[in-house]
């Protein structure tokens, strides 16, 4: 049962934050402050201050992870684009055309290849 009154002086900004938080939760300002007080133990603020000291390191690590992920995604996208190009009909046609225009004696290459295959089977 609530039987004690407490007067708490706050800045206008703090009062606005308390009112906004209470409204967000749908409770009175008094209930909001009570919930906040009950949510923390005295050591929590010290632990929070300690965590805040590490925050720059955490954000730097997160920035590094995001950059690594961005590079990985870019590499995957580039690889996918390369694969799509290499498997395209246009690329296959280009390679076929270049090979036919290369001046290679394909018949001699075929005979030489088949000759080696025959030699290997005989051995």
PDB file of N, CA and C in Angstrom:
ATOM      1  N   UNK A   1       0.825  -1.170   0.000  1.00  0.00           N
ATOM      2  CA  UNK A   1       0.000   0.000   0.000  1.00  0.00           C
ATOM      3  C   UNK A   1       0.876   1.243   0.000  1.00  0.00           C
ATOM      4  N   UNK A   2       0.545   2.150  -0.867  1.00  0.00           N
ATOM      5  CA  UNK A   2       1.325   3.379  -0.992  1.00  0.00           C
ATOM      6  C   UNK A   2       0.849   4.379   0.051  1.00  0.00           C
ATOM      7  N   UNK A   3       1.759   4.751   0.971  1.00  0.00           N
ATOM      8  CA  UNK A   3       1.358   5.674   2.034  1.00  0.00           C
ATOM      9  C   UNK A   3       2.346   6.821   2.210  1.00  0.00           C
ATOM     10  N   UNK A   4       3.415   6.820   1.429  1.00  0.00           N
ATOM     11  CA  UNK A   4       4.435   7.859   1.574  1.00  0.00           C
ATOM     12  C   UNK A   4       4.449   8.748   0.337  1.00  0.00           C
ATOM     13  N   UNK A   5       4.680  10.024   0.574  1.00  0.00           N
ATOM     14  CA  UNK A   5       4.778  10.991  -0.525  1.00  0.00           C
ATOM     15  C   UNK A   5       6.237  11.413  -0.640  1.00  0.00           C
ATOM     16  N   UNK A   6       6.670  11.597  -1.879  1.00  0.00           N
ATOM     17  CA  UNK A   6       8.039  12.026  -2.128  1.00  0.00           C
ATOM     18  C   UNK A   6       7.999  13.137  -3.168  1.00  0.00           C
ATOM     19  N   UNK A   7       8.664  14.211  -2.895  1.00  0.00           N
ATOM     20  CA  UNK A   7       8.751  15.311  -3.853  1.00  0.00           C
ATOM     21  C   UNK A   7      10.111  15.192  -4.524  1.00  0.00           C
ATOM     22  N   UNK A   8      10.105  15.206  -5.821  1.00  0.00           N
ATOM     23  CA  UNK A   8      11.336  15.020  -6.582  1.00  0.00           C
ATOM     24  C   UNK A   8      11.492  16.192  -7.528  1.00  0.00           C
ATOM     25  N   UNK A   9      12.580  16.928  -7.402  1.00  0.00           N
ATOM     26  CA  UNK A   9      12.823  18.048  -8.301  1.00  0.00           C
ATOM     27  C   UNK A   9      13.588  17.541  -9.525  1.00  0.00           C
ATOM     28  N   UNK A  10      13.121  17.912 -10.694  1.00  0.00           N
ATOM     29  CA  UNK A  10      13.752  17.505 -11.948  1.00  0.00           C
ATOM     30  C   UNK A  10      13.819  18.722 -12.874  1.00  0.00           C
ATOM     31  N   UNK A  11      14.637  18.623 -13.885  1.00  0.00           N
ATOM     32  CA  UNK A  11      14.701  19.684 -14.889  1.00  0.00           C
ATOM     33  C   UNK A  11      13.491  19.558 -15.806  1.00  0.00           C
ATOM     34  N   UNK A  12      13.178  20.605 -16.563  1.00  0.00           N
ATOM     35  CA  UNK A  12      12.079  20.489 -17.524  1.00  0.00           C
ATOM     36  C   UNK A  12      12.309  19.363 -18.542  1.00  0.00           C
ATOM     37  N   UNK A  13      13.557  19.163 -18.933  1.00  0.00           N
ATOM     38  CA  UNK A  13      13.868  18.095 -19.902  1.00  0.00           C
ATOM     39  C   UNK A  13      13.628  16.713 -19.287  1.00  0.00           C
ATOM     40  N   UNK A  14      14.040  16.547 -18.018  1.00  0.00           N
ATOM     41  CA  UNK A  14      13.819  15.266 -17.343  1.00  0.00           C
ATOM     42  C   UNK A  14      12.327  15.004 -17.167  1.00  0.00           C
ATOM     43  N   UNK A  15      11.590  16.057 -16.802  1.00  0.00           N
ATOM     44  CA  UNK A  15      10.142  15.907 -16.634  1.00  0.00           C
ATOM     45  C   UNK A  15       9.495  15.481 -17.951  1.00  0.00           C
ATOM     46  N   UNK A  16       9.945  16.077 -19.065  1.00  0.00           N
ATOM     47  CA  UNK A  16       9.404  15.713 -20.378  1.00  0.00           C
ATOM     48  C   UNK A  16       9.741  14.262 -20.720  1.00  0.00           C
ATOM     49  N   UNK A  17      10.959  13.819 -20.394  1.00  0.00           N
ATOM     50  CA  UNK A  17      11.342  12.428 -20.658  1.00  0.00           C
ATOM     51  C   UNK A  17      10.516  11.466 -19.826  1.00  0.00           C
ATOM     52  N   UNK A  18      10.284  11.820 -18.558  1.00  0.00           N
ATOM     53  CA  UNK A  18       9.465  10.966 -17.686  1.00  0.00           C
ATOM     54  C   UNK A  18       8.039  10.892 -18.232  1.00  0.00           C
ATOM     55  N   UNK A  19       7.496  12.030 -18.618  1.00  0.00           N
ATOM     56  CA  UNK A  19       6.125  12.056 -19.139  1.00  0.00           C
ATOM     57  C   UNK A  19       6.019  11.243 -20.421  1.00  0.00           C
ATOM     58  N   UNK A  20       7.009  11.389 -21.299  1.00  0.00           N
ATOM     59  CA  UNK A  20       6.989  10.646 -22.565  1.00  0.00           C
ATOM     60  C   UNK A  20       7.098   9.146 -22.307  1.00  0.00           C
ATOM     61  N   UNK A  21       7.993   8.736 -21.402  1.00  0.00           N
ATOM     62  CA  UNK A  21       8.145   7.320 -21.077  1.00  0.00           C
ATOM     63  C   UNK A  21       6.885   6.744 -20.464  1.00  0.00           C
ATOM     64  N   UNK A  22       6.264   7.508 -19.564  1.00  0.00           N
ATOM     65  CA  UNK A  22       5.028   7.048 -18.932  1.00  0.00           C
ATOM     66  C   UNK A  22       3.920   6.897 -19.951  1.00  0.00           C
ATOM     67  N   UNK A  23       3.823   7.873 -20.856  1.00  0.00           N
ATOM     68  CA  UNK A  23       2.782   7.810 -21.890  1.00  0.00           C
ATOM     69  C   UNK A  23       2.992   6.603 -22.795  1.00  0.00           C
ATOM     70  N   UNK A  24       4.239   6.354 -23.121  1.00  0.00           N
ATOM     71  CA  UNK A  24       4.549   5.211 -23.985  1.00  0.00           C
ATOM     72  C   UNK A  24       4.115   3.897 -23.335  1.00  0.00           C
ATOM     73  N   UNK A  25       4.249   3.800 -22.014  1.00  0.00           N
ATOM     74  CA  UNK A  25       3.852   2.585 -21.302  1.00  0.00           C
ATOM     75  C   UNK A  25       2.391   2.611 -20.864  1.00  0.00           C
ATOM     76  N   UNK A  26       1.761   3.765 -20.995  1.00  0.00           N
ATOM     77  CA  UNK A  26       0.363   3.865 -20.590  1.00  0.00           C
ATOM     78  C   UNK A  26       0.171   3.872 -19.081  1.00  0.00           C
ATOM     79  N   UNK A  27       1.137   4.436 -18.357  1.00  0.00           N
ATOM     80  CA  UNK A  27       1.054   4.512 -16.903  1.00  0.00           C
ATOM     81  C   UNK A  27       1.256   5.959 -16.470  1.00  0.00           C
ATOM     82  N   UNK A  28       1.009   6.225 -15.195  1.00  0.00           N
ATOM     83  CA  UNK A  28       1.238   7.570 -14.664  1.00  0.00           C
ATOM     84  C   UNK A  28       2.735   7.821 -14.542  1.00  0.00           C
ATOM     85  N   UNK A  29       3.100   9.095 -14.397  1.00  0.00           N
ATOM     86  CA  UNK A  29       4.507   9.441 -14.198  1.00  0.00           C
ATOM     87  C   UNK A  29       5.035   8.807 -12.915  1.00  0.00           C
ATOM     88  N   UNK A  30       4.225   8.785 -11.873  1.00  0.00           N
ATOM     89  CA  UNK A  30       4.644   8.165 -10.606  1.00  0.00           C
ATOM     90  C   UNK A  30       4.916   6.682 -10.788  1.00  0.00           C
ATOM     91  N   UNK A  31       4.003   5.989 -11.471  1.00  0.00           N
ATOM     92  CA  UNK A  31       4.186   4.553 -11.707  1.00  0.00           C
ATOM     93  C   UNK A  31       5.414   4.302 -12.567  1.00  0.00           C
ATOM     94  N   UNK A  32       5.632   5.143 -13.549  1.00  0.00           N
ATOM     95  CA  UNK A  32       6.801   5.013 -14.429  1.00  0.00           C
ATOM     96  C   UNK A  32       8.086   5.125 -13.611  1.00  0.00           C
ATOM     97  N   UNK A  33       8.176   6.148 -12.750  1.00  0.00           N
ATOM     98  CA  UNK A  33       9.369   6.322 -11.927  1.00  0.00           C
ATOM     99  C   UNK A  33       9.530   5.139 -10.980  1.00  0.00           C
ATOM    100  N   UNK A  34       8.441   4.657 -10.372  1.00  0.00           N
ATOM    101  CA  UNK A  34       8.514   3.481  -9.488  1.00  0.00           C
ATOM    102  C   UNK A  34       9.066   2.271 -10.242  1.00  0.00           C
ATOM    103  N   UNK A  35       8.583   2.057 -11.467  1.00  0.00           N
ATOM    104  CA  UNK A  35       9.061   0.909 -12.258  1.00  0.00           C
ATOM    105  C   UNK A  35      10.549   1.045 -12.569  1.00  0.00           C
ATOM    106  N   UNK A  36      10.963   2.254 -12.900  1.00  0.00           N
ATOM    107  CA  UNK A  36      12.388   2.469 -13.179  1.00  0.00           C
ATOM    108  C   UNK A  36      13.241   2.211 -11.941  1.00  0.00           C
ATOM    109  N   UNK A  37      12.798   2.717 -10.801  1.00  0.00           N
ATOM    110  CA  UNK A  37      13.545   2.524  -9.555  1.00  0.00           C
ATOM    111  C   UNK A  37      13.630   1.034  -9.223  1.00  0.00           C
ATOM    112  N   UNK A  38      12.531   0.314  -9.363  1.00  0.00           N
ATOM    113  CA  UNK A  38      12.524  -1.113  -9.035  1.00  0.00           C
ATOM    114  C   UNK A  38      13.284  -1.965 -10.043  1.00  0.00           C
ATOM    115  N   UNK A  39      13.516  -1.437 -11.218  1.00  0.00           N
ATOM    116  CA  UNK A  39      14.198  -2.214 -12.261  1.00  0.00           C
ATOM    117  C   UNK A  39      15.705  -2.254 -12.054  1.00  0.00           C
ATOM    118  N   UNK A  40      16.257  -1.351 -11.264  1.00  0.00           N
ATOM    119  CA  UNK A  40      17.706  -1.263 -11.101  1.00  0.00           C
ATOM    120  C   UNK A  40      18.127  -1.551  -9.678  1.00  0.00           C
ATOM    121  N   UNK A  41      19.267  -2.212  -9.582  1.00  0.00           N
ATOM    122  CA  UNK A  41      19.945  -2.397  -8.302  1.00  0.00           C
ATOM    123  C   UNK A  41      21.042  -1.334  -8.239  1.00  0.00           C
ATOM    124  N   UNK A  42      21.510  -0.981  -7.047  1.00  0.00           N
ATOM    125  CA  UNK A  42      22.550   0.051  -6.940  1.00  0.00           C
ATOM    126  C   UNK A  42      23.789  -0.241  -7.791  1.00  0.00           C
ATOM    127  N   UNK A  43      24.173  -1.490  -7.900  1.00  0.00           N
ATOM    128  CA  UNK A  43      25.349  -1.847  -8.702  1.00  0.00           C
ATOM    129  C   UNK A  43      25.122  -1.752 -10.199  1.00  0.00           C
ATOM    130  N   UNK A  44      23.850  -1.700 -10.614  1.00  0.00           N
ATOM    131  CA  UNK A  44      23.544  -1.641 -12.037  1.00  0.00           C
ATOM    132  C   UNK A  44      24.114  -0.394 -12.696  1.00  0.00           C
ATOM    133  N   UNK A  45      24.064   0.729 -12.008  1.00  0.00           N
ATOM    134  CA  UNK A  45      24.572   1.971 -12.589  1.00  0.00           C
ATOM    135  C   UNK A  45      26.076   1.906 -12.788  1.00  0.00           C
ATOM    136  N   UNK A  46      26.778   1.285 -11.853  1.00  0.00           N
ATOM    137  CA  UNK A  46      28.223   1.118 -12.001  1.00  0.00           C
ATOM    138  C   UNK A  46      28.522   0.196 -13.175  1.00  0.00           C
ATOM    139  N   UNK A  47      27.756  -0.873 -13.278  1.00  0.00           N
ATOM    140  CA  UNK A  47      27.945  -1.795 -14.407  1.00  0.00           C
ATOM    141  C   UNK A  47      27.638  -1.100 -15.723  1.00  0.00           C
ATOM    142  N   UNK A  48      26.599  -0.270 -15.729  1.00  0.00           N
ATOM    143  CA  UNK A  48      26.244   0.469 -16.930  1.00  0.00           C
ATOM    144  C   UNK A  48      27.360   1.424 -17.321  1.00  0.00           C
ATOM    145  N   UNK A  49      27.940   2.102 -16.342  1.00  0.00           N
ATOM    146  CA  UNK A  49      29.057   3.013 -16.621  1.00  0.00           C
ATOM    147  C   UNK A  49      30.243   2.240 -17.190  1.00  0.00           C
ATOM    148  N   UNK A  50      30.478   1.045 -16.664  1.00  0.00           N
ATOM    149  CA  UNK A  50      31.571   0.214 -17.169  1.00  0.00           C
ATOM    150  C   UNK A  50      31.308  -0.208 -18.618  1.00  0.00           C
ATOM    151  N   UNK A  51      30.065  -0.575 -18.889  1.00  0.00           N
ATOM    152  CA  UNK A  51      29.706  -0.945 -20.263  1.00  0.00           C
ATOM    153  C   UNK A  51      29.855   0.252 -21.205  1.00  0.00           C
ATOM    154  N   UNK A  52      29.456   1.415 -20.742  1.00  0.00           N
ATOM    155  CA  UNK A  52      29.580   2.614 -21.575  1.00  0.00           C
ATOM    156  C   UNK A  52      31.038   2.911 -21.908  1.00  0.00           C
ATOM    157  N   UNK A  53      31.958   2.558 -21.007  1.00  0.00           N
ATOM    158  CA  UNK A  53      33.380   2.764 -21.272  1.00  0.00           C
ATOM    159  C   UNK A  53      33.849   1.892 -22.430  1.00  0.00           C
ATOM    160  N   UNK A  54      33.235   0.728 -22.587  1.00  0.00           N
ATOM    161  CA  UNK A  54      33.602  -0.175 -23.677  1.00  0.00           C
ATOM    162  C   UNK A  54      32.866   0.135 -24.975  1.00  0.00           C
ATOM    163  N   UNK A  55      31.873   0.999 -24.928  1.00  0.00           N
ATOM    164  CA  UNK A  55      31.026   1.249 -26.089  1.00  0.00           C
ATOM    165  C   UNK A  55      31.808   1.660 -27.333  1.00  0.00           C
ATOM    166  N   UNK A  56      32.814   2.549 -27.239  1.00  0.00           N
ATOM    167  CA  UNK A  56      33.574   2.887 -28.452  1.00  0.00           C
ATOM    168  C   UNK A  56      34.228   1.666 -29.099  1.00  0.00           C
ATOM    169  N   UNK A  57      34.732   0.744 -28.269  1.00  0.00           N
ATOM    170  CA  UNK A  57      35.329  -0.475 -28.819  1.00  0.00           C
ATOM    171  C   UNK A  57      34.274  -1.345 -29.490  1.00  0.00           C
ATOM    172  N   UNK A  58      33.119  -1.437 -28.872  1.00  0.00           N
ATOM    173  CA  UNK A  58      32.039  -2.251 -29.433  1.00  0.00           C
ATOM    174  C   UNK A  58      31.586  -1.669 -30.768  1.00  0.00           C
ATOM    175  N   UNK A  59      31.390  -0.358 -30.810  1.00  0.00           N
ATOM    176  CA  UNK A  59      30.932   0.248 -32.072  1.00  0.00           C
ATOM    177  C   UNK A  59      32.002   0.143 -33.151  1.00  0.00           C
ATOM    178  N   UNK A  60      33.274   0.273 -32.771  1.00  0.00           N
ATOM    179  CA  UNK A  60      34.351   0.117 -33.756  1.00  0.00           C
ATOM    180  C   UNK A  60      34.372  -1.310 -34.299  1.00  0.00           C
ATOM    181  N   UNK A  61      34.188  -2.279 -33.410  1.00  0.00           N
ATOM    182  CA  UNK A  61      34.155  -3.683 -33.857  1.00  0.00           C
ATOM    183  C   UNK A  61      32.960  -3.924 -34.771  1.00  0.00           C
ATOM    184  N   UNK A  62      31.817  -3.369 -34.404  1.00  0.00           N
ATOM    185  CA  UNK A  62      30.619  -3.528 -35.245  1.00  0.00           C
ATOM    186  C   UNK A  62      30.825  -2.878 -36.608  1.00  0.00           C
ATOM    187  N   UNK A  63      31.452  -1.695 -36.628  1.00  0.00           N
ATOM    188  CA  UNK A  63      31.744  -1.035 -37.906  1.00  0.00           C
ATOM    189  C   UNK A  63      32.645  -1.916 -38.762  1.00  0.00           C
ATOM    190  N   UNK A  64      33.644  -2.526 -38.115  1.00  0.00           N
ATOM    191  CA  UNK A  64      34.536  -3.426 -38.852  1.00  0.00           C
ATOM    192  C   UNK A  64      33.799  -4.640 -39.388  1.00  0.00           C
ATOM    193  N   UNK A  65      32.883  -5.193 -38.589  1.00  0.00           N
ATOM    194  CA  UNK A  65      32.094  -6.351 -39.047  1.00  0.00           C
ATOM    195  C   UNK A  65      31.189  -5.962 -40.209  1.00  0.00           C
ATOM    196  N   UNK A  66      30.569  -4.793 -40.119  1.00  0.00           N
ATOM    197  CA  UNK A  66      29.710  -4.341 -41.221  1.00  0.00           C
ATOM    198  C   UNK A  66      30.522  -4.151 -42.495  1.00  0.00           C
ATOM    199  N   UNK A  67      31.720  -3.569 -42.361  1.00  0.00           N
ATOM    200  CA  UNK A  67      32.570  -3.381 -43.537  1.00  0.00           C
ATOM    201  C   UNK A  67      32.966  -4.731 -44.133  1.00  0.00           C
ATOM    202  N   UNK A  68      33.294  -5.694 -43.274  1.00  0.00           N
ATOM    203  CA  UNK A  68      33.648  -7.041 -43.765  1.00  0.00           C
ATOM    204  C   UNK A  68      32.470  -7.692 -44.472  1.00  0.00           C
ATOM    205  N   UNK A  69      31.290  -7.551 -43.894  1.00  0.00           N
ATOM    206  CA  UNK A  69      30.098  -8.120 -44.537  1.00  0.00           C
ATOM    207  C   UNK A  69      29.814  -7.438 -45.864  1.00  0.00           C
ATOM    208  N   UNK A  70      29.988  -6.118 -45.916  1.00  0.00           N
ATOM    209  CA  UNK A  70      29.787  -5.405 -47.178  1.00  0.00           C
ATOM    210  C   UNK A  70      30.758  -5.903 -48.243  1.00  0.00           C
ATOM    211  N   UNK A  71      32.043  -6.112 -47.849  1.00  0.00           N
ATOM    212  CA  UNK A  71      33.026  -6.637 -48.806  1.00  0.00           C
ATOM    213  C   UNK A  71      32.659  -8.047 -49.260  1.00  0.00           C
ATOM    214  N   UNK A  72      32.199  -8.875 -48.315  1.00  0.00           N
ATOM    215  CA  UNK A  72      31.814 -10.248 -48.661  1.00  0.00           C
ATOM    216  C   UNK A  72      30.635 -10.255 -49.623  1.00  0.00           C
ATOM    217  N   UNK A  73      29.655  -9.413 -49.369  1.00  0.00           N
ATOM    218  CA  UNK A  73      28.491  -9.334 -50.261  1.00  0.00           C
ATOM    219  C   UNK A  73      28.929  -8.856 -51.642  1.00  0.00           C
ATOM    220  N   UNK A  74      29.791  -7.849 -51.686  1.00  0.00           N
ATOM    221  CA  UNK A  74      30.273  -7.345 -52.976  1.00  0.00           C
ATOM    222  C   UNK A  74      31.034  -8.427 -53.736  1.00  0.00           C
ATOM    223  N   UNK A  75      31.855  -9.199 -53.023  1.00  0.00           N
ATOM    224  CA  UNK A  75      32.604 -10.292 -53.659  1.00  0.00           C
ATOM    225  C   UNK A  75      31.649 -11.356 -54.199  1.00  0.00           C
ATOM    226  N   UNK A  76      30.639 -11.706 -53.408  1.00  0.00           N
ATOM    227  CA  UNK A  76      29.656 -12.690 -53.866  1.00  0.00           C
ATOM    228  C   UNK A  76      28.882 -12.180 -55.076  1.00  0.00           C
ATOM    229  N   UNK A  77      28.496 -10.922 -55.046  1.00  0.00           N
ATOM    230  CA  UNK A  77      27.759 -10.356 -56.176  1.00  0.00           C
ATOM    231  C   UNK A  77      28.625 -10.316 -57.427  1.00  0.00           C
ATOM    232  N   UNK A  78      29.904  -9.966 -57.255  1.00  0.00           N
ATOM    233  CA  UNK A  78      30.813  -9.949 -58.407  1.00  0.00           C
ATOM    234  C   UNK A  78      31.002 -11.359 -58.959  1.00  0.00           C
ATOM    235  N   UNK A  79      31.132 -12.344 -58.058  1.00  0.00           N
ATOM    236  CA  UNK A  79      31.275 -13.730 -58.493  1.00  0.00           C
ATOM    237  C   UNK A  79      30.038 -14.224 -59.227  1.00  0.00           C
ATOM    238  N   UNK A  80      28.875 -13.839 -58.725  1.00  0.00           N
ATOM    239  CA  UNK A  80      27.625 -14.233 -59.380  1.00  0.00           C
ATOM    240  C   UNK A  80      27.516 -13.582 -60.754  1.00  0.00           C
ATOM    241  N   UNK A  81      27.912 -12.321 -60.840  1.00  0.00           N
ATOM    242  CA  UNK A  81      27.871 -11.636 -62.138  1.00  0.00           C
ATOM    243  C   UNK A  81      28.839 -12.309 -63.114  1.00  0.00           C
ATOM    244  N   UNK A  82      30.025 -12.688 -62.630  1.00  0.00           N
ATOM    245  CA  UNK A  82      31.017 -13.365 -63.485  1.00  0.00           C
ATOM    246  C   UNK A  82      30.481 -14.727 -63.935  1.00  0.00           C
ATOM    247  N   UNK A  83      29.882 -15.486 -62.991  1.00  0.00           N
ATOM    248  CA  UNK A  83      29.321 -16.787 -63.349  1.00  0.00           C
ATOM    249  C   UNK A  83      28.226 -16.634 -64.389  1.00  0.00           C
ATOM    250  N   UNK A  84      27.371 -15.646 -64.199  1.00  0.00           N
ATOM    251  CA  UNK A  84      26.284 -15.417 -65.152  1.00  0.00           C
ATOM    252  C   UNK A  84      26.846 -15.082 -66.525  1.00  0.00           C
ATOM    253  N   UNK A  85      27.904 -14.288 -66.544  1.00  0.00           N
ATOM    254  CA  UNK A  85      28.522 -13.935 -67.831  1.00  0.00           C
ATOM    255  C   UNK A  85      29.126 -15.169 -68.501  1.00  0.00           C
ATOM    256  N   UNK A  86      29.863 -15.966 -67.727  1.00  0.00           N
ATOM    257  CA  UNK A  86      30.546 -17.131 -68.298  1.00  0.00           C
ATOM    258  C   UNK A  86      29.589 -18.213 -68.767  1.00  0.00           C
ATOM    259  N   UNK A  87      28.380 -18.238 -68.235  1.00  0.00           N
ATOM    260  CA  UNK A  87      27.409 -19.250 -68.655  1.00  0.00           C
ATOM    261  C   UNK A  87      26.395 -18.706 -69.657  1.00  0.00           C
ATOM    262  N   UNK A  88      26.592 -17.466 -70.069  1.00  0.00           N
ATOM    263  CA  UNK A  88      25.631 -16.869 -71.002  1.00  0.00           C
ATOM    264  C   UNK A  88      25.859 -17.378 -72.421  1.00  0.00           C
ATOM    265  N   UNK A  89      24.795 -17.405 -73.193  1.00  0.00           N
ATOM    266  CA  UNK A  89      24.892 -17.806 -74.599  1.00  0.00           C
ATOM    267  C   UNK A  89      25.786 -16.854 -75.375  1.00  0.00           C
ATOM    268  N   UNK A  90      25.746 -15.583 -75.016  1.00  0.00           N
ATOM    269  CA  UNK A  90      26.573 -14.591 -75.712  1.00  0.00           C
ATOM    270  C   UNK A  90      28.060 -14.901 -75.521  1.00  0.00           C
ATOM    271  N   UNK A  91      28.463 -15.242 -74.306  1.00  0.00           N
ATOM    272  CA  UNK A  91      29.864 -15.551 -74.040  1.00  0.00           C
ATOM    273  C   UNK A  91      30.275 -16.834 -74.759  1.00  0.00           C
ATOM    274  N   UNK A  92      29.426 -17.836 -74.704  1.00  0.00           N
ATOM    275  CA  UNK A  92      29.733 -19.089 -75.401  1.00  0.00           C
ATOM    276  C   UNK A  92      29.914 -18.850 -76.901  1.00  0.00           C
ATOM    277  N   UNK A  93      29.058 -18.010 -77.456  1.00  0.00           N
ATOM    278  CA  UNK A  93      29.171 -17.693 -78.878  1.00  0.00           C
ATOM    279  C   UNK A  93      30.460 -16.933 -79.160  1.00  0.00           C
ATOM    280  N   UNK A  94      30.833 -16.028 -78.273  1.00  0.00           N
ATOM    281  CA  UNK A  94      32.068 -15.262 -78.438  1.00  0.00           C
ATOM    282  C   UNK A  94      33.277 -16.188 -78.427  1.00  0.00           C
ATOM    283  N   UNK A  95      33.313 -17.128 -77.478  1.00  0.00           N
ATOM    284  CA  UNK A  95      34.431 -18.067 -77.391  1.00  0.00           C
ATOM    285  C   UNK A  95      34.472 -18.958 -78.631  1.00  0.00           C
ATOM    286  N   UNK A  96      33.317 -19.447 -79.056  1.00  0.00           N
ATOM    287  CA  UNK A  96      33.271 -20.284 -80.259  1.00  0.00           C
ATOM    288  C   UNK A  96      33.813 -19.525 -81.460  1.00  0.00           C
ATOM    289  N   UNK A  97      33.376 -18.280 -81.602  1.00  0.00           N
ATOM    290  CA  UNK A  97      33.823 -17.457 -82.727  1.00  0.00           C
ATOM    291  C   UNK A  97      35.340 -17.222 -82.665  1.00  0.00           C
ATOM    292  N   UNK A  98      35.863 -16.908 -81.467  1.00  0.00           N
ATOM    293  CA  UNK A  98      37.297 -16.670 -81.312  1.00  0.00           C
ATOM    294  C   UNK A  98      38.105 -17.920 -81.618  1.00  0.00           C
ATOM    295  N   UNK A  99      37.607 -19.079 -81.188  1.00  0.00           N
ATOM    296  CA  UNK A  99      38.326 -20.323 -81.473  1.00  0.00           C
ATOM    297  C   UNK A  99      38.331 -20.633 -82.967  1.00  0.00           C
ATOM    298  N   UNK A 100      37.192 -20.406 -83.619  1.00  0.00           N
ATOM    299  CA  UNK A 100      37.132 -20.672 -85.052  1.00  0.00           C
ATOM    300  C   UNK A 100      38.008 -19.701 -85.850  1.00  0.00           C
ATOM    301  N   UNK A 101      38.140 -18.480 -85.338  1.00  0.00           N
ATOM    302  CA  UNK A 101      38.944 -17.474 -86.030  1.00  0.00           C
ATOM    303  C   UNK A 101      40.415 -17.506 -85.614  1.00  0.00           C
ATOM    304  N   UNK A 102      40.789 -18.420 -84.737  1.00  0.00           N
ATOM    305  CA  UNK A 102      42.140 -18.443 -84.186  1.00  0.00           C
ATOM    306  C   UNK A 102      43.180 -18.981 -85.167  1.00  0.00           C
ATOM    307  N   UNK A 103      42.765 -19.641 -86.194  1.00  0.00           N
ATOM    308  CA  UNK A 103      43.707 -20.219 -87.139  1.00  0.00           C
ATOM    309  C   UNK A 103      44.217 -21.589 -86.722  1.00  0.00           C
ATOM    310  N   UNK A 104      43.686 -22.157 -85.673  1.00  0.00           N
ATOM    311  CA  UNK A 104      44.101 -23.488 -85.228  1.00  0.00           C
ATOM    312  C   UNK A 104      43.579 -24.515 -86.229  1.00  0.00           C
ATOM    313  N   UNK A 105      44.438 -25.436 -86.558  1.00  0.00           N
ATOM    314  CA  UNK A 105      44.031 -26.536 -87.431  1.00  0.00           C
ATOM    315  C   UNK A 105      43.342 -27.566 -86.544  1.00  0.00           C
ATOM    316  N   UNK A 106      42.040 -27.472 -86.465  1.00  0.00           N
ATOM    317  CA  UNK A 106      41.273 -28.310 -85.552  1.00  0.00           C
ATOM    318  C   UNK A 106      41.321 -29.785 -85.945  1.00  0.00           C
ATOM    319  N   UNK A 107      41.392 -30.038 -87.214  1.00  0.00           N
ATOM    320  CA  UNK A 107      41.467 -31.432 -87.665  1.00  0.00           C
ATOM    321  C   UNK A 107      42.781 -32.059 -87.224  1.00  0.00           C
ATOM    322  N   UNK A 108      43.887 -31.306 -87.357  1.00  0.00           N
ATOM    323  CA  UNK A 108      45.189 -31.823 -86.918  1.00  0.00           C
ATOM    324  C   UNK A 108      45.184 -32.013 -85.397  1.00  0.00           C
ATOM    325  N   UNK A 109      44.565 -31.093 -84.680  1.00  0.00           N
ATOM    326  CA  UNK A 109      44.488 -31.212 -83.220  1.00  0.00           C
ATOM    327  C   UNK A 109      43.679 -32.454 -82.839  1.00  0.00           C
ATOM    328  N   UNK A 110      42.584 -32.692 -83.568  1.00  0.00           N
ATOM    329  CA  UNK A 110      41.766 -33.857 -83.296  1.00  0.00           C
ATOM    330  C   UNK A 110      42.556 -35.140 -83.537  1.00  0.00           C
ATOM    331  N   UNK A 111      43.277 -35.193 -84.683  1.00  0.00           N
ATOM    332  CA  UNK A 111      44.070 -36.384 -84.991  1.00  0.00           C
ATOM    333  C   UNK A 111      45.157 -36.608 -83.946  1.00  0.00           C
ATOM    334  N   UNK A 112      45.792 -35.533 -83.554  1.00  0.00           N
ATOM    335  CA  UNK A 112      46.867 -35.654 -82.567  1.00  0.00           C
ATOM    336  C   UNK A 112      46.301 -36.142 -81.233  1.00  0.00           C
ATOM    337  N   UNK A 113      45.177 -35.594 -80.837  1.00  0.00           N
ATOM    338  CA  UNK A 113      44.541 -36.004 -79.588  1.00  0.00           C
ATOM    339  C   UNK A 113      44.119 -37.470 -79.673  1.00  0.00           C
ATOM    340  N   UNK A 114      43.475 -37.835 -80.766  1.00  0.00           N
ATOM    341  CA  UNK A 114      43.033 -39.219 -80.918  1.00  0.00           C
ATOM    342  C   UNK A 114      44.216 -40.167 -80.998  1.00  0.00           C
ATOM    343  N   UNK A 115      45.278 -39.708 -81.611  1.00  0.00           N
ATOM    344  CA  UNK A 115      46.483 -40.542 -81.696  1.00  0.00           C
ATOM    345  C   UNK A 115      47.049 -40.821 -80.313  1.00  0.00           C
ATOM    346  N   UNK A 116      47.092 -39.829 -79.472  1.00  0.00           N
ATOM    347  CA  UNK A 116      47.592 -40.027 -78.112  1.00  0.00           C
ATOM    348  C   UNK A 116      46.636 -40.932 -77.330  1.00  0.00           C
ATOM    349  N   UNK A 117      45.356 -40.776 -77.536  1.00  0.00           N
ATOM    350  CA  UNK A 117      44.380 -41.610 -76.832  1.00  0.00           C
ATOM    351  C   UNK A 117      44.566 -43.053 -77.239  1.00  0.00           C
ATOM    352  N   UNK A 118      44.814 -43.296 -78.536  1.00  0.00           N
ATOM    353  CA  UNK A 118      45.026 -44.651 -79.019  1.00  0.00           C
ATOM    354  C   UNK A 118      46.312 -45.200 -78.451  1.00  0.00           C
ATOM    355  N   UNK A 119      47.407 -44.369 -78.418  1.00  0.00           N
ATOM    356  CA  UNK A 119      48.681 -44.805 -77.850  1.00  0.00           C
ATOM    357  C   UNK A 119      48.525 -45.166 -76.358  1.00  0.00           C
ATOM    358  N   UNK A 120      47.728 -44.387 -75.646  1.00  0.00           N
ATOM    359  CA  UNK A 120      47.556 -44.645 -74.207  1.00  0.00           C
ATOM    360  C   UNK A 120      46.755 -45.921 -73.986  1.00  0.00           C
ATOM    361  N   UNK A 121      45.777 -46.223 -74.869  1.00  0.00           N
ATOM    362  CA  UNK A 121      45.010 -47.440 -74.708  1.00  0.00           C
ATOM    363  C   UNK A 121      45.861 -48.678 -74.986  1.00  0.00           C
ATOM    364  N   UNK A 122      46.770 -48.555 -75.921  1.00  0.00           N
ATOM    365  CA  UNK A 122      47.630 -49.692 -76.280  1.00  0.00           C
ATOM    366  C   UNK A 122      48.635 -50.000 -75.169  1.00  0.00           C
ATOM    367  N   UNK A 123      48.996 -48.994 -74.406  1.00  0.00           N
ATOM    368  CA  UNK A 123      50.038 -49.183 -73.360  1.00  0.00           C
ATOM    369  C   UNK A 123      49.546 -49.871 -72.152  1.00  0.00           C
TER     370      UNK A 123
END
